PDB file of N, CA and C in Angstrom:
ATOM      1  N   MET A   1       0.817  -1.187   0.000  1.00  0.00           N
ATOM      2  CA  MET A   1       0.000   0.000   0.000  1.00  0.00           C
ATOM      3  C   MET A   1       0.861   1.251   0.000  1.00  0.00           C
ATOM      4  N   ASN A   2       1.961   1.197   0.730  1.00  0.00           N
ATOM      5  CA  ASN A   2       2.880   2.345   0.709  1.00  0.00           C
ATOM      6  C   ASN A   2       3.382   2.613  -0.701  1.00  0.00           C
ATOM      7  N   ARG A   3       3.691   1.541  -1.412  1.00  0.00           N
ATOM      8  CA  ARG A   3       4.200   1.678  -2.784  1.00  0.00           C
ATOM      9  C   ARG A   3       3.135   2.265  -3.703  1.00  0.00           C
ATOM     10  N   MET A   4       1.891   1.796  -3.586  1.00  0.00           N
ATOM     11  CA  MET A   4       0.810   2.357  -4.397  1.00  0.00           C
ATOM     12  C   MET A   4       0.663   3.852  -4.135  1.00  0.00           C
ATOM     13  N   ASP A   5       0.672   4.228  -2.873  1.00  0.00           N
ATOM     14  CA  ASP A   5       0.529   5.634  -2.521  1.00  0.00           C
ATOM     15  C   ASP A   5       1.694   6.455  -3.040  1.00  0.00           C
ATOM     16  N   ASN A   6       2.897   5.895  -2.925  1.00  0.00           N
ATOM     17  CA  ASN A   6       4.082   6.602  -3.392  1.00  0.00           C
ATOM     18  C   ASN A   6       4.040   6.821  -4.904  1.00  0.00           C
ATOM     19  N   VAL A   7       3.729   5.797  -5.653  1.00  0.00           N
ATOM     20  CA  VAL A   7       3.667   5.927  -7.112  1.00  0.00           C
ATOM     21  C   VAL A   7       2.575   6.921  -7.495  1.00  0.00           C
ATOM     22  N   TYR A   8       1.435   6.830  -6.851  1.00  0.00           N
ATOM     23  CA  TYR A   8       0.331   7.750  -7.127  1.00  0.00           C
ATOM     24  C   TYR A   8       0.733   9.200  -6.828  1.00  0.00           C
ATOM     25  N   SER A   9       1.397   9.413  -5.701  1.00  0.00           N
ATOM     26  CA  SER A   9       1.708  10.766  -5.239  1.00  0.00           C
ATOM     27  C   SER A   9       2.995  11.343  -5.816  1.00  0.00           C
ATOM     28  N   GLU A  10       3.994  10.510  -5.968  1.00  0.00           N
ATOM     29  CA  GLU A  10       5.326  11.021  -6.286  1.00  0.00           C
ATOM     30  C   GLU A  10       5.836  10.687  -7.683  1.00  0.00           C
ATOM     31  N   ARG A  11       5.301   9.677  -8.307  1.00  0.00           N
ATOM     32  CA  ARG A  11       5.917   9.203  -9.542  1.00  0.00           C
ATOM     33  C   ARG A  11       5.008   9.227 -10.766  1.00  0.00           C
ATOM     34  N   ALA A  12       3.826   9.756 -10.605  1.00  0.00           N
ATOM     35  CA  ALA A  12       2.908   9.795 -11.748  1.00  0.00           C
ATOM     36  C   ALA A  12       3.487  10.675 -12.847  1.00  0.00           C
ATOM     37  N   GLN A  13       3.609  10.136 -14.031  1.00  0.00           N
ATOM     38  CA  GLN A  13       4.180  10.847 -15.170  1.00  0.00           C
ATOM     39  C   GLN A  13       3.117  11.717 -15.843  1.00  0.00           C
ATOM     40  N   GLY A  14       3.402  12.987 -16.027  1.00  0.00           N
ATOM     41  CA  GLY A  14       2.509  13.872 -16.759  1.00  0.00           C
ATOM     42  C   GLY A  14       1.238  14.259 -16.025  1.00  0.00           C
ATOM     43  N   VAL A  15       1.171  13.995 -14.737  1.00  0.00           N
ATOM     44  CA  VAL A  15      -0.018  14.342 -13.956  1.00  0.00           C
ATOM     45  C   VAL A  15       0.363  15.451 -12.990  1.00  0.00           C
ATOM     46  N   THR A  16      -0.375  16.538 -13.047  1.00  0.00           N
ATOM     47  CA  THR A  16      -0.037  17.682 -12.190  1.00  0.00           C
ATOM     48  C   THR A  16      -1.034  17.893 -11.061  1.00  0.00           C
ATOM     49  N   HIS A  17      -2.024  17.015 -10.956  1.00  0.00           N
ATOM     50  CA  HIS A  17      -3.030  17.168  -9.896  1.00  0.00           C
ATOM     51  C   HIS A  17      -3.418  15.790  -9.353  1.00  0.00           C
ATOM     52  N   GLN A  18      -4.004  15.822  -8.187  1.00  0.00           N
ATOM     53  CA  GLN A  18      -4.483  14.578  -7.596  1.00  0.00           C
ATOM     54  C   GLN A  18      -5.715  14.120  -8.367  1.00  0.00           C
ATOM     55  N   ARG A  19      -5.806  12.837  -8.629  1.00  0.00           N
ATOM     56  CA  ARG A  19      -6.905  12.304  -9.433  1.00  0.00           C
ATOM     57  C   ARG A  19      -8.105  11.875  -8.603  1.00  0.00           C
ATOM     58  N   PHE A  20      -7.928  11.676  -7.304  1.00  0.00           N
ATOM     59  CA  PHE A  20      -9.030  11.250  -6.438  1.00  0.00           C
ATOM     60  C   PHE A  20      -9.507  12.432  -5.601  1.00  0.00           C
ATOM     61  N   HIS A  21     -10.779  12.462  -5.333  1.00  0.00           N
ATOM     62  CA  HIS A  21     -11.377  13.558  -4.553  1.00  0.00           C
ATOM     63  C   HIS A  21     -10.908  13.545  -3.104  1.00  0.00           C
ATOM     64  N   HIS A  22     -10.879  14.710  -2.519  1.00  0.00           N
ATOM     65  CA  HIS A  22     -10.606  14.899  -1.088  1.00  0.00           C
ATOM     66  C   HIS A  22      -9.250  14.343  -0.663  1.00  0.00           C
ATOM     67  N   GLY A  23      -8.281  14.312  -1.577  1.00  0.00           N
ATOM     68  CA  GLY A  23      -6.937  13.857  -1.226  1.00  0.00           C
ATOM     69  C   GLY A  23      -6.816  12.373  -0.964  1.00  0.00           C
ATOM     70  N   ALA A  24      -7.797  11.590  -1.407  1.00  0.00           N
ATOM     71  CA  ALA A  24      -7.761  10.138  -1.180  1.00  0.00           C
ATOM     72  C   ALA A  24      -6.555   9.524  -1.881  1.00  0.00           C
ATOM     73  N   LEU A  25      -6.052   8.459  -1.307  1.00  0.00           N
ATOM     74  CA  LEU A  25      -4.916   7.720  -1.849  1.00  0.00           C
ATOM     75  C   LEU A  25      -5.365   6.310  -2.214  1.00  0.00           C
ATOM     76  N   PRO A  26      -4.597   5.607  -3.031  1.00  0.00           N
ATOM     77  CA  PRO A  26      -4.938   4.215  -3.343  1.00  0.00           C
ATOM     78  C   PRO A  26      -5.135   3.356  -2.093  1.00  0.00           C
ATOM     79  N   SER A  27      -4.342   3.575  -1.064  1.00  0.00           N
ATOM     80  CA  SER A  27      -4.496   2.788   0.162  1.00  0.00           C
ATOM     81  C   SER A  27      -5.851   3.032   0.822  1.00  0.00           C
ATOM     82  N   ASP A  28      -6.416   4.224   0.651  1.00  0.00           N
ATOM     83  CA  ASP A  28      -7.753   4.495   1.187  1.00  0.00           C
ATOM     84  C   ASP A  28      -8.790   3.609   0.500  1.00  0.00           C
ATOM     85  N   PHE A  29      -8.670   3.436  -0.811  1.00  0.00           N
ATOM     86  CA  PHE A  29      -9.594   2.573  -1.543  1.00  0.00           C
ATOM     87  C   PHE A  29      -9.412   1.114  -1.125  1.00  0.00           C
ATOM     88  N   PHE A  30      -8.164   0.722  -0.899  1.00  0.00           N
ATOM     89  CA  PHE A  30      -7.903  -0.629  -0.412  1.00  0.00           C
ATOM     90  C   PHE A  30      -8.621  -0.847   0.913  1.00  0.00           C
ATOM     91  N   ARG A  31      -8.394   0.040   1.850  1.00  0.00           N
ATOM     92  CA  ARG A  31      -8.969  -0.130   3.189  1.00  0.00           C
ATOM     93  C   ARG A  31     -10.495  -0.081   3.184  1.00  0.00           C
ATOM     94  N   GLN A  32     -11.089   0.599   2.208  1.00  0.00           N
ATOM     95  CA  GLN A  32     -12.545   0.682   2.132  1.00  0.00           C
ATOM     96  C   GLN A  32     -13.170  -0.513   1.406  1.00  0.00           C
ATOM     97  N   ASN A  33     -12.380  -1.234   0.603  1.00  0.00           N
ATOM     98  CA  ASN A  33     -12.975  -2.225  -0.301  1.00  0.00           C
ATOM     99  C   ASN A  33     -12.370  -3.613  -0.289  1.00  0.00           C
ATOM    100  N   VAL A  34     -11.262  -3.816   0.403  1.00  0.00           N
ATOM    101  CA  VAL A  34     -10.566  -5.098   0.324  1.00  0.00           C
ATOM    102  C   VAL A  34     -10.503  -5.752   1.700  1.00  0.00           C
ATOM    103  N   PHE A  35     -10.815  -7.035   1.715  1.00  0.00           N
ATOM    104  CA  PHE A  35     -10.661  -7.843   2.914  1.00  0.00           C
ATOM    105  C   PHE A  35      -9.688  -8.972   2.604  1.00  0.00           C
ATOM    106  N   ILE A  36      -8.877  -9.323   3.562  1.00  0.00           N
ATOM    107  CA  ILE A  36      -7.907 -10.395   3.411  1.00  0.00           C
ATOM    108  C   ILE A  36      -8.218 -11.453   4.458  1.00  0.00           C
ATOM    109  N   SER A  37      -8.310 -12.680   4.017  1.00  0.00           N
ATOM    110  CA  SER A  37      -8.551 -13.755   4.972  1.00  0.00           C
ATOM    111  C   SER A  37      -7.308 -14.634   5.081  1.00  0.00           C
ATOM    112  N   PHE A  38      -7.191 -15.296   6.202  1.00  0.00           N
ATOM    113  CA  PHE A  38      -6.071 -16.202   6.447  1.00  0.00           C
ATOM    114  C   PHE A  38      -6.533 -17.249   7.436  1.00  0.00           C
ATOM    115  N   GLN A  39      -5.752 -18.309   7.572  1.00  0.00           N
ATOM    116  CA  GLN A  39      -6.126 -19.400   8.471  1.00  0.00           C
ATOM    117  C   GLN A  39      -5.101 -19.588   9.577  1.00  0.00           C
ATOM    118  N   GLU A  40      -4.040 -20.311   9.276  1.00  0.00           N
ATOM    119  CA  GLU A  40      -3.066 -20.665  10.307  1.00  0.00           C
ATOM    120  C   GLU A  40      -1.831 -19.779  10.303  1.00  0.00           C
ATOM    121  N   ASP A  41      -1.615 -19.047   9.257  1.00  0.00           N
ATOM    122  CA  ASP A  41      -0.371 -18.299   9.142  1.00  0.00           C
ATOM    123  C   ASP A  41      -0.329 -17.113  10.105  1.00  0.00           C
ATOM    124  N   ALA A  42       0.589 -17.172  11.011  1.00  0.00           N
ATOM    125  CA  ALA A  42       0.765 -16.112  12.005  1.00  0.00           C
ATOM    126  C   ALA A  42       1.177 -14.801  11.341  1.00  0.00           C
ATOM    127  N   LEU A  43       1.661 -14.862  10.106  1.00  0.00           N
ATOM    128  CA  LEU A  43       2.051 -13.657   9.383  1.00  0.00           C
ATOM    129  C   LEU A  43       0.866 -12.706   9.225  1.00  0.00           C
ATOM    130  N   GLY A  44      -0.328 -13.261   9.050  1.00  0.00           N
ATOM    131  CA  GLY A  44      -1.527 -12.427   8.962  1.00  0.00           C
ATOM    132  C   GLY A  44      -1.706 -11.563  10.191  1.00  0.00           C
ATOM    133  N   ILE A  45      -1.362 -12.098  11.329  1.00  0.00           N
ATOM    134  CA  ILE A  45      -1.446 -11.352  12.587  1.00  0.00           C
ATOM    135  C   ILE A  45      -0.276 -10.389  12.726  1.00  0.00           C
ATOM    136  N   GLN A  46       0.915 -10.833  12.395  1.00  0.00           N
ATOM    137  CA  GLN A  46       2.099 -10.000  12.549  1.00  0.00           C
ATOM    138  C   GLN A  46       2.041  -8.736  11.693  1.00  0.00           C
ATOM    139  N   PHE A  47       1.404  -8.809  10.529  1.00  0.00           N
ATOM    140  CA  PHE A  47       1.340  -7.660   9.627  1.00  0.00           C
ATOM    141  C   PHE A  47       0.018  -6.901   9.702  1.00  0.00           C
ATOM    142  N   ARG A  48      -0.743  -7.130  10.754  1.00  0.00           N
ATOM    143  CA  ARG A  48      -2.068  -6.529  10.831  1.00  0.00           C
ATOM    144  C   ARG A  48      -2.023  -5.002  10.854  1.00  0.00           C
ATOM    145  N   SER A  49      -0.975  -4.423  11.381  1.00  0.00           N
ATOM    146  CA  SER A  49      -0.910  -2.959  11.411  1.00  0.00           C
ATOM    147  C   SER A  49      -0.684  -2.384  10.015  1.00  0.00           C
ATOM    148  N   TYR A  50      -0.088  -3.148   9.120  1.00  0.00           N
ATOM    149  CA  TYR A  50       0.122  -2.685   7.749  1.00  0.00           C
ATOM    150  C   TYR A  50      -1.149  -2.816   6.916  1.00  0.00           C
ATOM    151  N   VAL A  51      -1.811  -3.941   7.042  1.00  0.00           N
ATOM    152  CA  VAL A  51      -3.021  -4.203   6.267  1.00  0.00           C
ATOM    153  C   VAL A  51      -4.205  -3.463   6.871  1.00  0.00           C
ATOM    154  N   GLY A  52      -4.284  -3.456   8.178  1.00  0.00           N
ATOM    155  CA  GLY A  52      -5.397  -2.852   8.891  1.00  0.00           C
ATOM    156  C   GLY A  52      -6.247  -3.913   9.551  1.00  0.00           C
ATOM    157  N   VAL A  53      -6.442  -3.792  10.833  1.00  0.00           N
ATOM    158  CA  VAL A  53      -7.223  -4.757  11.605  1.00  0.00           C
ATOM    159  C   VAL A  53      -8.639  -4.868  11.040  1.00  0.00           C
ATOM    160  N   ASP A  54      -9.176  -3.773  10.529  1.00  0.00           N
ATOM    161  CA  ASP A  54     -10.538  -3.784  10.000  1.00  0.00           C
ATOM    162  C   ASP A  54     -10.653  -4.493   8.653  1.00  0.00           C
ATOM    163  N   ASN A  55      -9.523  -4.900   8.066  1.00  0.00           N
ATOM    164  CA  ASN A  55      -9.526  -5.548   6.755  1.00  0.00           C
ATOM    165  C   ASN A  55      -9.151  -7.024   6.819  1.00  0.00           C
ATOM    166  N   LEU A  56      -8.928  -7.541   8.001  1.00  0.00           N
ATOM    167  CA  LEU A  56      -8.521  -8.942   8.145  1.00  0.00           C
ATOM    168  C   LEU A  56      -9.663  -9.807   8.647  1.00  0.00           C
ATOM    169  N   MET A  57      -9.714 -11.034   8.137  1.00  0.00           N
ATOM    170  CA  MET A  57     -10.722 -11.992   8.585  1.00  0.00           C
ATOM    171  C   MET A  57     -10.063 -13.360   8.734  1.00  0.00           C
ATOM    172  N   TRP A  58     -10.149 -13.920   9.938  1.00  0.00           N
ATOM    173  CA  TRP A  58      -9.675 -15.285  10.135  1.00  0.00           C
ATOM    174  C   TRP A  58     -10.772 -16.225   9.662  1.00  0.00           C
ATOM    175  N   GLY A  59     -10.370 -17.340   9.046  1.00  0.00           N
ATOM    176  CA  GLY A  59     -11.347 -18.327   8.609  1.00  0.00           C
ATOM    177  C   GLY A  59     -10.812 -19.730   8.763  1.00  0.00           C
ATOM    178  N   SER A  60     -11.703 -20.655   9.010  1.00  0.00           N
ATOM    179  CA  SER A  60     -11.291 -22.053   9.177  1.00  0.00           C
ATOM    180  C   SER A  60     -11.318 -22.809   7.849  1.00  0.00           C
ATOM    181  N   ASP A  61     -12.014 -22.257   6.852  1.00  0.00           N
ATOM    182  CA  ASP A  61     -12.193 -22.864   5.533  1.00  0.00           C
ATOM    183  C   ASP A  61     -12.870 -24.224   5.592  1.00  0.00           C
ATOM    184  N   TYR A  62     -13.670 -24.430   6.636  1.00  0.00           N
ATOM    185  CA  TYR A  62     -14.442 -25.663   6.753  1.00  0.00           C
ATOM    186  C   TYR A  62     -15.486 -25.700   5.636  1.00  0.00           C
ATOM    187  N   PRO A  63     -15.722 -26.767   4.965  1.00  0.00           N
ATOM    188  CA  PRO A  63     -15.291 -28.152   5.167  1.00  0.00           C
ATOM    189  C   PRO A  63     -14.171 -28.592   4.228  1.00  0.00           C
ATOM    190  N   HIS A  64     -13.400 -27.684   3.693  1.00  0.00           N
ATOM    191  CA  HIS A  64     -12.363 -28.053   2.727  1.00  0.00           C
ATOM    192  C   HIS A  64     -11.180 -28.754   3.396  1.00  0.00           C
ATOM    193  N   ALA A  65     -10.385 -29.433   2.579  1.00  0.00           N
ATOM    194  CA  ALA A  65      -9.269 -30.232   3.092  1.00  0.00           C
ATOM    195  C   ALA A  65      -8.267 -29.401   3.881  1.00  0.00           C
ATOM    196  N   GLU A  66      -8.062 -28.157   3.487  1.00  0.00           N
ATOM    197  CA  GLU A  66      -7.091 -27.315   4.202  1.00  0.00           C
ATOM    198  C   GLU A  66      -7.689 -26.634   5.433  1.00  0.00           C
ATOM    199  N   SER A  67      -8.882 -27.022   5.802  1.00  0.00           N
ATOM    200  CA  SER A  67      -9.571 -26.453   6.955  1.00  0.00           C
ATOM    201  C   SER A  67      -8.772 -26.653   8.247  1.00  0.00           C
ATOM    202  N   THR A  68      -8.980 -25.754   9.176  1.00  0.00           N
ATOM    203  CA  THR A  68      -8.363 -25.890  10.500  1.00  0.00           C
ATOM    204  C   THR A  68      -9.184 -26.800  11.416  1.00  0.00           C
ATOM    205  N   PHE A  69     -10.383 -27.154  11.006  1.00  0.00           N
ATOM    206  CA  PHE A  69     -11.245 -28.043  11.797  1.00  0.00           C
ATOM    207  C   PHE A  69     -10.620 -29.426  11.902  1.00  0.00           C
ATOM    208  N   PRO A  70     -10.590 -30.040  13.054  1.00  0.00           N
ATOM    209  CA  PRO A  70     -11.261 -29.715  14.317  1.00  0.00           C
ATOM    210  C   PRO A  70     -10.357 -28.986  15.316  1.00  0.00           C
ATOM    211  N   ARG A  71      -9.268 -28.385  14.863  1.00  0.00           N
ATOM    212  CA  ARG A  71      -8.320 -27.722  15.766  1.00  0.00           C
ATOM    213  C   ARG A  71      -8.454 -26.199  15.728  1.00  0.00           C
ATOM    214  N   SER A  72      -9.562 -25.687  15.259  1.00  0.00           N
ATOM    215  CA  SER A  72      -9.719 -24.247  15.043  1.00  0.00           C
ATOM    216  C   SER A  72      -9.487 -23.422  16.295  1.00  0.00           C
ATOM    217  N   ARG A  73     -10.093 -23.789  17.398  1.00  0.00           N
ATOM    218  CA  ARG A  73      -9.929 -23.003  18.642  1.00  0.00           C
ATOM    219  C   ARG A  73      -8.478 -23.013  19.114  1.00  0.00           C
ATOM    220  N   GLU A  74      -7.837 -24.157  19.017  1.00  0.00           N
ATOM    221  CA  GLU A  74      -6.424 -24.269  19.389  1.00  0.00           C
ATOM    222  C   GLU A  74      -5.561 -23.359  18.518  1.00  0.00           C
ATOM    223  N   ILE A  75      -5.829 -23.340  17.246  1.00  0.00           N
ATOM    224  CA  ILE A  75      -5.063 -22.507  16.304  1.00  0.00           C
ATOM    225  C   ILE A  75      -5.312 -21.027  16.571  1.00  0.00           C
ATOM    226  N   VAL A  76      -6.561 -20.652  16.775  1.00  0.00           N
ATOM    227  CA  VAL A  76      -6.889 -19.254  17.085  1.00  0.00           C
ATOM    228  C   VAL A  76      -6.188 -18.826  18.370  1.00  0.00           C
ATOM    229  N   ASP A  77      -6.238 -19.653  19.393  1.00  0.00           N
ATOM    230  CA  ASP A  77      -5.564 -19.319  20.657  1.00  0.00           C
ATOM    231  C   ASP A  77      -4.064 -19.116  20.451  1.00  0.00           C
ATOM    232  N   ARG A  78      -3.460 -19.943  19.619  1.00  0.00           N
ATOM    233  CA  ARG A  78      -2.015 -19.848  19.383  1.00  0.00           C
ATOM    234  C   ARG A  78      -1.642 -18.601  18.585  1.00  0.00           C
ATOM    235  N   ILE A  79      -2.299 -18.364  17.458  1.00  0.00           N
ATOM    236  CA  ILE A  79      -1.861 -17.253  16.602  1.00  0.00           C
ATOM    237  C   ILE A  79      -2.328 -15.891  17.107  1.00  0.00           C
ATOM    238  N   PHE A  80      -3.334 -15.866  17.971  1.00  0.00           N
ATOM    239  CA  PHE A  80      -3.819 -14.597  18.533  1.00  0.00           C
ATOM    240  C   PHE A  80      -3.336 -14.390  19.966  1.00  0.00           C
ATOM    241  N   GLN A  81      -2.328 -15.112  20.367  1.00  0.00           N
ATOM    242  CA  GLN A  81      -1.870 -15.128  21.757  1.00  0.00           C
ATOM    243  C   GLN A  81      -1.599 -13.738  22.326  1.00  0.00           C
ATOM    244  N   ASP A  82      -0.913 -12.880  21.607  1.00  0.00           N
ATOM    245  CA  ASP A  82      -0.552 -11.559  22.126  1.00  0.00           C
ATOM    246  C   ASP A  82      -1.376 -10.426  21.506  1.00  0.00           C
ATOM    247  N   VAL A  83      -2.490 -10.756  20.892  1.00  0.00           N
ATOM    248  CA  VAL A  83      -3.334  -9.769  20.220  1.00  0.00           C
ATOM    249  C   VAL A  83      -4.371  -9.236  21.215  1.00  0.00           C
ATOM    250  N   PRO A  84      -4.534  -7.921  21.284  1.00  0.00           N
ATOM    251  CA  PRO A  84      -5.553  -7.357  22.171  1.00  0.00           C
ATOM    252  C   PRO A  84      -6.945  -7.912  21.829  1.00  0.00           C
ATOM    253  N   ASP A  85      -7.775  -8.083  22.848  1.00  0.00           N
ATOM    254  CA  ASP A  85      -9.101  -8.686  22.676  1.00  0.00           C
ATOM    255  C   ASP A  85      -9.944  -7.981  21.620  1.00  0.00           C
ATOM    256  N   GLU A  86      -9.924  -6.655  21.584  1.00  0.00           N
ATOM    257  CA  GLU A  86     -10.727  -5.917  20.604  1.00  0.00           C
ATOM    258  C   GLU A  86     -10.302  -6.251  19.173  1.00  0.00           C
ATOM    259  N   GLU A  87      -8.994  -6.322  18.927  1.00  0.00           N
ATOM    260  CA  GLU A  87      -8.497  -6.664  17.591  1.00  0.00           C
ATOM    261  C   GLU A  87      -8.857  -8.102  17.244  1.00  0.00           C
ATOM    262  N   LYS A  88      -8.686  -8.990  18.190  1.00  0.00           N
ATOM    263  CA  LYS A  88      -9.027 -10.399  17.970  1.00  0.00           C
ATOM    264  C   LYS A  88     -10.504 -10.542  17.614  1.00  0.00           C
ATOM    265  N   ARG A  89     -11.350  -9.860  18.352  1.00  0.00           N
ATOM    266  CA  ARG A  89     -12.795  -9.934  18.103  1.00  0.00           C
ATOM    267  C   ARG A  89     -13.127  -9.459  16.684  1.00  0.00           C
ATOM    268  N   LYS A  90     -12.491  -8.397  16.243  1.00  0.00           N
ATOM    269  CA  LYS A  90     -12.732  -7.903  14.886  1.00  0.00           C
ATOM    270  C   LYS A  90     -12.300  -8.933  13.839  1.00  0.00           C
ATOM    271  N   ILE A  91     -11.088  -9.446  13.998  1.00  0.00           N
ATOM    272  CA  ILE A  91     -10.520 -10.349  12.989  1.00  0.00           C
ATOM    273  C   ILE A  91     -11.242 -11.691  12.967  1.00  0.00           C
ATOM    274  N   VAL A  92     -11.645 -12.188  14.114  1.00  0.00           N
ATOM    275  CA  VAL A  92     -12.264 -13.511  14.191  1.00  0.00           C
ATOM    276  C   VAL A  92     -13.755 -13.468  13.845  1.00  0.00           C
ATOM    277  N   GLY A  93     -14.430 -12.329  13.978  1.00  0.00           N
ATOM    278  CA  GLY A  93     -15.859 -12.348  13.706  1.00  0.00           C
ATOM    279  C   GLY A  93     -16.496 -11.037  13.276  1.00  0.00           C
ATOM    280  N   ASP A  94     -16.128  -9.935  13.923  1.00  0.00           N
ATOM    281  CA  ASP A  94     -16.828  -8.676  13.656  1.00  0.00           C
ATOM    282  C   ASP A  94     -16.655  -8.200  12.218  1.00  0.00           C
ATOM    283  N   ASN A  95     -15.459  -8.371  11.645  1.00  0.00           N
ATOM    284  CA  ASN A  95     -15.224  -7.885  10.276  1.00  0.00           C
ATOM    285  C   ASN A  95     -16.056  -8.643   9.250  1.00  0.00           C
ATOM    286  N   VAL A  96     -16.143  -9.953   9.402  1.00  0.00           N
ATOM    287  CA  VAL A  96     -16.958 -10.724   8.458  1.00  0.00           C
ATOM    288  C   VAL A  96     -18.434 -10.378   8.635  1.00  0.00           C
ATOM    289  N   ALA A  97     -18.870 -10.130   9.864  1.00  0.00           N
ATOM    290  CA  ALA A  97     -20.256  -9.735  10.108  1.00  0.00           C
ATOM    291  C   ALA A  97     -20.545  -8.392   9.432  1.00  0.00           C
ATOM    292  N   ARG A  98     -19.593  -7.480   9.505  1.00  0.00           N
ATOM    293  CA  ARG A  98     -19.766  -6.156   8.855  1.00  0.00           C
ATOM    294  C   ARG A  98     -19.795  -6.319   7.335  1.00  0.00           C
ATOM    295  N   LEU A  99     -18.900  -7.115   6.788  1.00  0.00           N
ATOM    296  CA  LEU A  99     -18.822  -7.309   5.342  1.00  0.00           C
ATOM    297  C   LEU A  99     -20.120  -7.889   4.779  1.00  0.00           C
ATOM    298  N   TYR A 100     -20.652  -8.895   5.456  1.00  0.00           N
ATOM    299  CA  TYR A 100     -21.853  -9.586   4.968  1.00  0.00           C
ATOM    300  C   TYR A 100     -23.139  -9.095   5.620  1.00  0.00           C
ATOM    301  N   HIS A 101     -23.046  -8.006   6.390  1.00  0.00           N
ATOM    302  CA  HIS A 101     -24.215  -7.389   7.027  1.00  0.00           C
ATOM    303  C   HIS A 101     -24.969  -8.356   7.942  1.00  0.00           C
ATOM    304  N   PHE A 102     -24.188  -9.130   8.735  1.00  0.00           N
ATOM    305  CA  PHE A 102     -24.787  -9.985   9.753  1.00  0.00           C
ATOM    306  C   PHE A 102     -25.025  -9.156  11.003  1.00  0.00           C
ATOM    307  N   ASN A 103     -26.031  -9.529  11.778  1.00  0.00           N
ATOM    308  CA  ASN A 103     -26.266  -8.870  13.071  1.00  0.00           C
ATOM    309  C   ASN A 103     -25.324  -9.436  14.104  1.00  0.00           C
TER     310      ASN A 103
END
């Protein structure tokens, strides 16, 4: 996202003005429209500040072969070990509820 913003802001050839309204950057569009899901990879948690906690969704991918089931709770406990409860709640459930308009 930093690279997209940099190219948009600093390296655009032949462009003398901002192309998006209100000073928006490509990363703003990413954060408003893109969700990233992950399962067991702790990297998803480690890079959450770069991607944005509001854009991450943990998933078990049940019933597929690569599913975390039946060890899902164990895996969540392990990879979210040092994550604040509010962030964990968003990534494990609140973000998907917001995306799909669940109550």
